[in-house]
Amino acid sequence: MLYSQRANEAAPKTETSATIVLKRSQAMVDMSTDVTNSLNLEDRQPGMRCCNGLEYDHLNDGEAQHLSDDLSILAHPIRLQILDMLARHPGQVCVCDLEAALPVKQPTVSHHLKLLRAAGLIDCERHGLWAYYFVQRDAMRALYTRVNGQLQAFAD
């Protein structure tokens, strides 16, 4: 026997990548067939739901948008810091004090104050050149009630 013949006999046969892919595909088909045969699936008409009888109160589009708006106004650290400063101060806070206390520049502070005013959570009064801001406590309580109520519904 020649040396080359012995080498061919002793060497393990290697599969090509196409053969491996074909074997994997066949195994997946076999698995899929086994699962389908063991599940006893029911035929449904198009448009029929699989979970008949499941009834629940759900968040409608308007409620979802309102909750999203409520959460969005609170979803920024600068706005939260502004609300915190205003809520902790019993009276009005000058805009110059807010600007000095926050880690952003005046245009950014003004932008966030504008958003909070548009949401009705804060308001201001002008005294000369300066604006003095304060929390609208009734609006904050209403916001708390709405958000807390919905989060409680999610948790239950």
Protein backbone atom coordinates (compact mmCIF):
# COMPACT_ATOMS: atom_id res chain seq x y z
CA MET A 1 0.00 0.00 0.00
CA LEU A 2 1.28 3.38 -0.86
CA TYR A 3 1.84 6.07 1.73
CA SER A 4 -0.73 8.40 0.11
CA GLN A 5 -3.42 5.70 0.24
CA ARG A 6 -2.80 5.14 3.96
CA ALA A 7 -3.00 8.86 4.64
CA ASN A 8 -6.36 9.09 2.88
CA GLU A 9 -7.75 6.13 4.82
CA ALA A 10 -6.56 7.41 8.19
CA ALA A 11 -7.67 11.01 7.74
CA PRO A 12 -11.17 11.76 9.02
CA LYS A 13 -13.66 12.82 6.43
CA THR A 14 -14.62 16.50 6.71
CA GLU A 15 -18.03 17.86 5.80
CA THR A 16 -18.40 20.87 3.64
CA SER A 17 -20.23 23.90 5.02
CA ALA A 18 -23.10 23.24 2.60
CA THR A 19 -23.54 19.75 4.06
CA ILE A 20 -23.56 21.13 7.60
CA VAL A 21 -26.17 23.77 6.72
CA LEU A 22 -28.30 21.13 5.01
CA LYS A 23 -28.13 18.86 8.07
CA ARG A 24 -29.04 21.75 10.43
CA SER A 25 -31.97 22.74 8.20
CA GLN A 26 -33.24 19.17 8.19
CA ALA A 27 -32.92 18.98 11.98
CA MET A 28 -34.94 22.20 12.35
CA VAL A 29 -37.66 20.86 10.05
CA ASP A 30 -37.76 17.62 12.02
CA MET A 31 -38.04 19.58 15.30
CA SER A 32 -40.77 21.81 13.87
CA THR A 33 -42.74 18.76 12.72
CA ASP A 34 -42.40 17.15 16.16
CA VAL A 35 -43.67 20.29 17.93
CA THR A 36 -46.61 20.72 15.53
CA ASN A 37 -47.60 17.08 15.92
CA SER A 38 -47.46 17.25 19.73
CA LEU A 39 -49.38 20.55 20.16
CA ASN A 40 -52.68 19.66 18.47
CA LEU A 41 -53.29 23.16 17.11
CA GLU A 42 -56.85 24.32 16.46
CA ASP A 43 -57.78 25.88 13.17
CA ARG A 44 -59.10 29.44 13.46
CA GLN A 45 -60.93 31.55 10.99
CA PRO A 46 -59.06 34.69 9.83
CA GLY A 47 -59.77 37.55 12.21
CA MET A 48 -60.68 35.34 15.17
CA ARG A 49 -58.81 36.05 18.38
CA CYS A 50 -57.00 33.27 20.15
CA CYS A 51 -58.03 34.55 23.59
CA ASN A 52 -61.80 34.78 23.49
CA GLY A 53 -63.36 36.05 26.66
CA LEU A 54 -60.39 38.15 27.78
CA GLU A 55 -61.93 41.46 28.73
CA TYR A 56 -60.14 44.29 30.43
CA ASP A 57 -60.29 48.01 30.80
CA HIS A 58 -57.48 49.49 28.86
CA LEU A 59 -55.82 52.83 28.47
CA ASN A 60 -57.47 54.54 25.51
CA ASP A 61 -55.51 56.73 23.10
CA GLY A 62 -56.43 59.99 24.82
CA GLU A 63 -55.55 58.71 28.28
CA ALA A 64 -52.28 57.28 27.01
CA GLN A 65 -51.35 60.61 25.40
CA HIS A 66 -52.26 62.53 28.55
CA LEU A 67 -50.18 60.20 30.73
CA SER A 68 -47.31 60.45 28.27
CA ASP A 69 -47.48 64.26 28.40
CA ASP A 70 -47.57 64.20 32.20
CA LEU A 71 -44.54 61.94 32.38
CA SER A 72 -42.68 63.87 29.67
CA ILE A 73 -42.85 67.15 31.55
CA LEU A 74 -41.24 65.42 34.53
CA ALA A 75 -38.69 63.53 32.45
CA HIS A 76 -35.84 66.02 32.53
CA PRO A 77 -33.39 66.60 35.38
CA ILE A 78 -33.35 70.39 34.99
CA ARG A 79 -37.14 70.59 35.18
CA LEU A 80 -37.10 68.35 38.24
CA GLN A 81 -34.49 70.59 39.88
CA ILE A 82 -36.56 73.69 39.10
CA LEU A 83 -39.68 72.10 40.56
CA ASP A 84 -37.72 71.00 43.62
CA MET A 85 -36.33 74.49 44.25
CA LEU A 86 -39.70 76.14 43.78
CA ALA A 87 -41.58 73.58 45.87
CA ARG A 88 -39.15 73.91 48.79
CA HIS A 89 -39.45 77.68 48.84
CA PRO A 90 -42.70 78.88 50.43
CA GLY A 91 -42.93 82.03 48.33
CA GLN A 92 -41.64 83.17 45.00
CA VAL A 93 -38.14 82.61 43.65
CA CYS A 94 -36.41 85.13 41.41
CA VAL A 95 -35.34 83.84 38.02
CA CYS A 96 -31.80 85.08 38.73
CA ASP A 97 -31.63 82.71 41.73
CA LEU A 98 -32.81 79.80 39.60
CA GLU A 99 -30.24 80.56 36.93
CA ALA A 100 -27.45 80.78 39.52
CA ALA A 101 -28.42 77.46 41.14
CA LEU A 102 -28.71 75.38 37.98
CA PRO A 103 -25.78 73.87 36.03
CA VAL A 104 -27.01 75.23 32.67
CA LYS A 105 -27.01 78.61 30.98
CA GLN A 106 -29.82 81.17 31.02
CA PRO A 107 -31.44 80.22 27.67
CA THR A 108 -31.78 76.61 28.82
CA VAL A 109 -33.29 77.68 32.14
CA SER A 110 -35.75 79.93 30.28
CA HIS A 111 -36.70 77.06 27.97
CA HIS A 112 -37.50 74.71 30.84
CA LEU A 113 -39.39 77.42 32.73
CA LYS A 114 -41.47 78.01 29.61
CA LEU A 115 -42.31 74.29 29.34
CA LEU A 116 -43.27 74.09 33.01
CA ARG A 117 -45.47 77.19 32.65
CA ALA A 118 -47.14 75.78 29.54
CA ALA A 119 -47.91 72.60 31.50
CA GLY A 120 -49.48 74.73 34.22
CA LEU A 121 -47.16 73.45 36.94
CA ILE A 122 -45.56 76.82 37.68
CA ASP A 123 -46.37 80.46 37.13
CA CYS A 124 -44.60 83.76 37.56
CA GLU A 125 -45.15 87.39 38.43
CA ARG A 126 -43.08 90.26 37.14
CA HIS A 127 -41.62 92.79 39.57
CA GLY A 128 -39.74 95.37 37.55
CA LEU A 129 -37.16 93.63 35.36
CA TRP A 130 -37.24 90.34 37.21
CA ALA A 131 -39.66 87.43 37.05
CA TYR A 132 -40.52 85.58 40.26
CA TYR A 133 -41.61 81.96 39.89
CA PHE A 134 -43.75 79.78 42.12
CA VAL A 135 -45.33 76.33 42.03
CA GLN A 136 -49.01 75.93 41.20
CA ARG A 137 -49.68 73.54 44.07
CA ASP A 138 -53.18 72.55 42.92
CA ALA A 139 -51.80 71.62 39.48
CA MET A 140 -49.00 69.63 41.11
CA ARG A 141 -51.51 67.72 43.26
CA ALA A 142 -53.64 66.98 40.18
CA LEU A 143 -50.56 65.75 38.29
CA TYR A 144 -49.59 63.57 41.23
CA THR A 145 -53.10 62.09 41.41
CA ARG A 146 -53.21 61.30 37.68
CA VAL A 147 -49.76 59.75 37.45
CA ASN A 148 -49.99 57.90 40.75
CA GLY A 149 -53.43 56.53 39.88
CA GLN A 150 -52.26 55.18 36.54
CA LEU A 151 -49.06 53.70 37.94
CA GLN A 152 -51.13 52.06 40.68
CA ALA A 153 -53.40 50.57 37.98
CA PHE A 154 -50.32 49.17 36.22
CA ALA A 155 -49.09 47.62 39.47
CA ASP A 156 -52.40 45.97 40.39
